[in-house]
Amino acid sequence: MKFTAEIDIMPLKALLDPQGKAISMGLSNMGLEKIENVRMGKHITLEVEAETKDAAKEKVDTACKKLLCNPIIEGYLFELNSVD
């Protein structure tokens, strides 16, 4: 079976996010005030071939832990959908 994974990787909330801060300041400079707590992350889409949805989840989780996400400064969530 083939699955599509939609992965969101974000900086941990306990850490400063300089990119988010720069975006927030830029929005304010453009006159878009009252926009706060901007966080900048990554969105990754990939396709996974696996026998079951659980096996696909395990593959995506391993990819996130070993390559896509730096667990010291980032966290991740993903959604898995079967490709029809």
C-alpha atoms as a PDB file:
ATOM      1  CA  MET A   1       0.000   0.000   0.000  1.00  0.00           C
ATOM      2  CA  LYS A   2       1.084   3.558  -0.608  1.00  0.00           C
ATOM      3  CA  PHE A   3       0.619   6.345   1.930  1.00  0.00           C
ATOM      4  CA  THR A   4       1.201  10.096   1.923  1.00  0.00           C
ATOM      5  CA  ALA A   5       2.693  11.673   5.035  1.00  0.00           C
ATOM      6  CA  GLU A   6       2.204  15.362   5.823  1.00  0.00           C
ATOM      7  CA  ILE A   7       4.867  16.288   8.396  1.00  0.00           C
ATOM      8  CA  ASP A   8       5.046  19.539  10.379  1.00  0.00           C
ATOM      9  CA  ILE A   9       8.316  20.303  12.164  1.00  0.00           C
ATOM     10  CA  MET A  10       8.342  23.224  14.586  1.00  0.00           C
ATOM     11  CA  PRO A  11      10.831  24.708  17.055  1.00  0.00           C
ATOM     12  CA  LEU A  12      10.168  23.650  20.629  1.00  0.00           C
ATOM     13  CA  LYS A  13       8.006  26.198  22.459  1.00  0.00           C
ATOM     14  CA  ALA A  14      10.597  26.559  25.231  1.00  0.00           C
ATOM     15  CA  LEU A  15      13.198  27.863  22.763  1.00  0.00           C
ATOM     16  CA  LEU A  16      13.516  31.230  21.079  1.00  0.00           C
ATOM     17  CA  ASP A  17      12.493  31.340  17.424  1.00  0.00           C
ATOM     18  CA  PRO A  18      14.568  34.056  15.702  1.00  0.00           C
ATOM     19  CA  GLN A  19      12.860  33.477  12.329  1.00  0.00           C
ATOM     20  CA  GLY A  20       9.429  33.816  13.915  1.00  0.00           C
ATOM     21  CA  LYS A  21      10.560  36.984  15.706  1.00  0.00           C
ATOM     22  CA  ALA A  22      11.820  38.480  12.422  1.00  0.00           C
ATOM     23  CA  ILE A  23       8.507  37.673  10.720  1.00  0.00           C
ATOM     24  CA  SER A  24       6.584  39.206  13.614  1.00  0.00           C
ATOM     25  CA  MET A  25       8.637  42.402  13.427  1.00  0.00           C
ATOM     26  CA  GLY A  26       8.239  42.535   9.634  1.00  0.00           C
ATOM     27  CA  LEU A  27       4.472  42.216   9.930  1.00  0.00           C
ATOM     28  CA  SER A  28       4.421  44.981  12.527  1.00  0.00           C
ATOM     29  CA  ASN A  29       6.534  47.218  10.261  1.00  0.00           C
ATOM     30  CA  MET A  30       3.997  46.614   7.477  1.00  0.00           C
ATOM     31  CA  GLY A  31       1.226  47.903   9.717  1.00  0.00           C
ATOM     32  CA  LEU A  32      -0.089  44.460  10.599  1.00  0.00           C
ATOM     33  CA  GLU A  33      -0.090  44.837  14.358  1.00  0.00           C
ATOM     34  CA  LYS A  34      -1.732  42.549  16.906  1.00  0.00           C
ATOM     35  CA  ILE A  35      -0.110  39.488  15.303  1.00  0.00           C
ATOM     36  CA  GLU A  36       1.958  37.787  17.986  1.00  0.00           C
ATOM     37  CA  ASN A  37       3.792  34.573  18.838  1.00  0.00           C
ATOM     38  CA  VAL A  38       4.819  33.788  15.254  1.00  0.00           C
ATOM     39  CA  ARG A  39       6.650  30.459  14.973  1.00  0.00           C
ATOM     40  CA  MET A  40       8.469  29.412  11.797  1.00  0.00           C
ATOM     41  CA  GLY A  41       8.733  25.732  10.935  1.00  0.00           C
ATOM     42  CA  LYS A  42       8.952  23.261   8.061  1.00  0.00           C
ATOM     43  CA  HIS A  43       6.319  21.257   6.220  1.00  0.00           C
ATOM     44  CA  ILE A  44       7.423  18.064   4.464  1.00  0.00           C
ATOM     45  CA  THR A  45       5.307  15.790   2.272  1.00  0.00           C
ATOM     46  CA  LEU A  46       6.456  12.314   1.319  1.00  0.00           C
ATOM     47  CA  GLU A  47       5.084   9.030   0.012  1.00  0.00           C
ATOM     48  CA  VAL A  48       5.661   5.767   1.850  1.00  0.00           C
ATOM     49  CA  GLU A  49       5.222   2.220   0.602  1.00  0.00           C
ATOM     50  CA  ALA A  50       4.291  -0.183   3.413  1.00  0.00           C
ATOM     51  CA  GLU A  51       2.190  -3.267   4.064  1.00  0.00           C
ATOM     52  CA  THR A  52       0.012  -1.582   6.717  1.00  0.00           C
ATOM     53  CA  LYS A  53      -0.746   1.886   8.040  1.00  0.00           C
ATOM     54  CA  ASP A  54       1.078   1.040  11.281  1.00  0.00           C
ATOM     55  CA  ALA A  55       4.190   0.024   9.322  1.00  0.00           C
ATOM     56  CA  ALA A  56       4.012   3.286   7.368  1.00  0.00           C
ATOM     57  CA  LYS A  57       3.673   5.272  10.619  1.00  0.00           C
ATOM     58  CA  GLU A  58       6.768   3.526  11.962  1.00  0.00           C
ATOM     59  CA  LYS A  59       8.763   4.388   8.822  1.00  0.00           C
ATOM     60  CA  VAL A  60       7.728   8.055   8.940  1.00  0.00           C
ATOM     61  CA  ASP A  61       8.447   8.258  12.675  1.00  0.00           C
ATOM     62  CA  THR A  62      11.918   6.789  12.110  1.00  0.00           C
ATOM     63  CA  ALA A  63      12.594   9.226   9.239  1.00  0.00           C
ATOM     64  CA  CYS A  64      11.610  12.145  11.470  1.00  0.00           C
ATOM     65  CA  LYS A  65      13.717  10.994  14.417  1.00  0.00           C
ATOM     66  CA  LYS A  66      16.824  10.097  12.402  1.00  0.00           C
ATOM     67  CA  LEU A  67      16.915  12.736   9.657  1.00  0.00           C
ATOM     68  CA  LEU A  68      14.117  15.250   9.287  1.00  0.00           C
ATOM     69  CA  CYS A  69      13.886  16.644  12.821  1.00  0.00           C
ATOM     70  CA  ASN A  70      16.530  17.791  15.296  1.00  0.00           C
ATOM     71  CA  PRO A  71      14.931  16.596  18.564  1.00  0.00           C
ATOM     72  CA  ILE A  72      17.101  18.948  20.638  1.00  0.00           C
ATOM     73  CA  ILE A  73      15.399  22.040  19.203  1.00  0.00           C
ATOM     74  CA  GLU A  74      12.386  20.756  17.219  1.00  0.00           C
ATOM     75  CA  GLY A  75       9.273  18.665  17.600  1.00  0.00           C
ATOM     76  CA  TYR A  76       7.148  17.061  14.896  1.00  0.00           C
ATOM     77  CA  LEU A  77       3.634  15.873  14.138  1.00  0.00           C
ATOM     78  CA  PHE A  78       2.464  14.008  11.075  1.00  0.00           C
ATOM     79  CA  GLU A  79      -0.698  12.833   9.403  1.00  0.00           C
ATOM     80  CA  LEU A  80      -0.757   9.713   7.275  1.00  0.00           C
ATOM     81  CA  ASN A  81      -3.285   9.134   4.472  1.00  0.00           C
ATOM     82  CA  SER A  82      -3.619   6.227   2.095  1.00  0.00           C
ATOM     83  CA  VAL A  83      -3.179   6.973  -1.593  1.00  0.00           C
ATOM     84  CA  ASP A  84      -6.121   5.658  -3.564  1.00  0.00           C
END
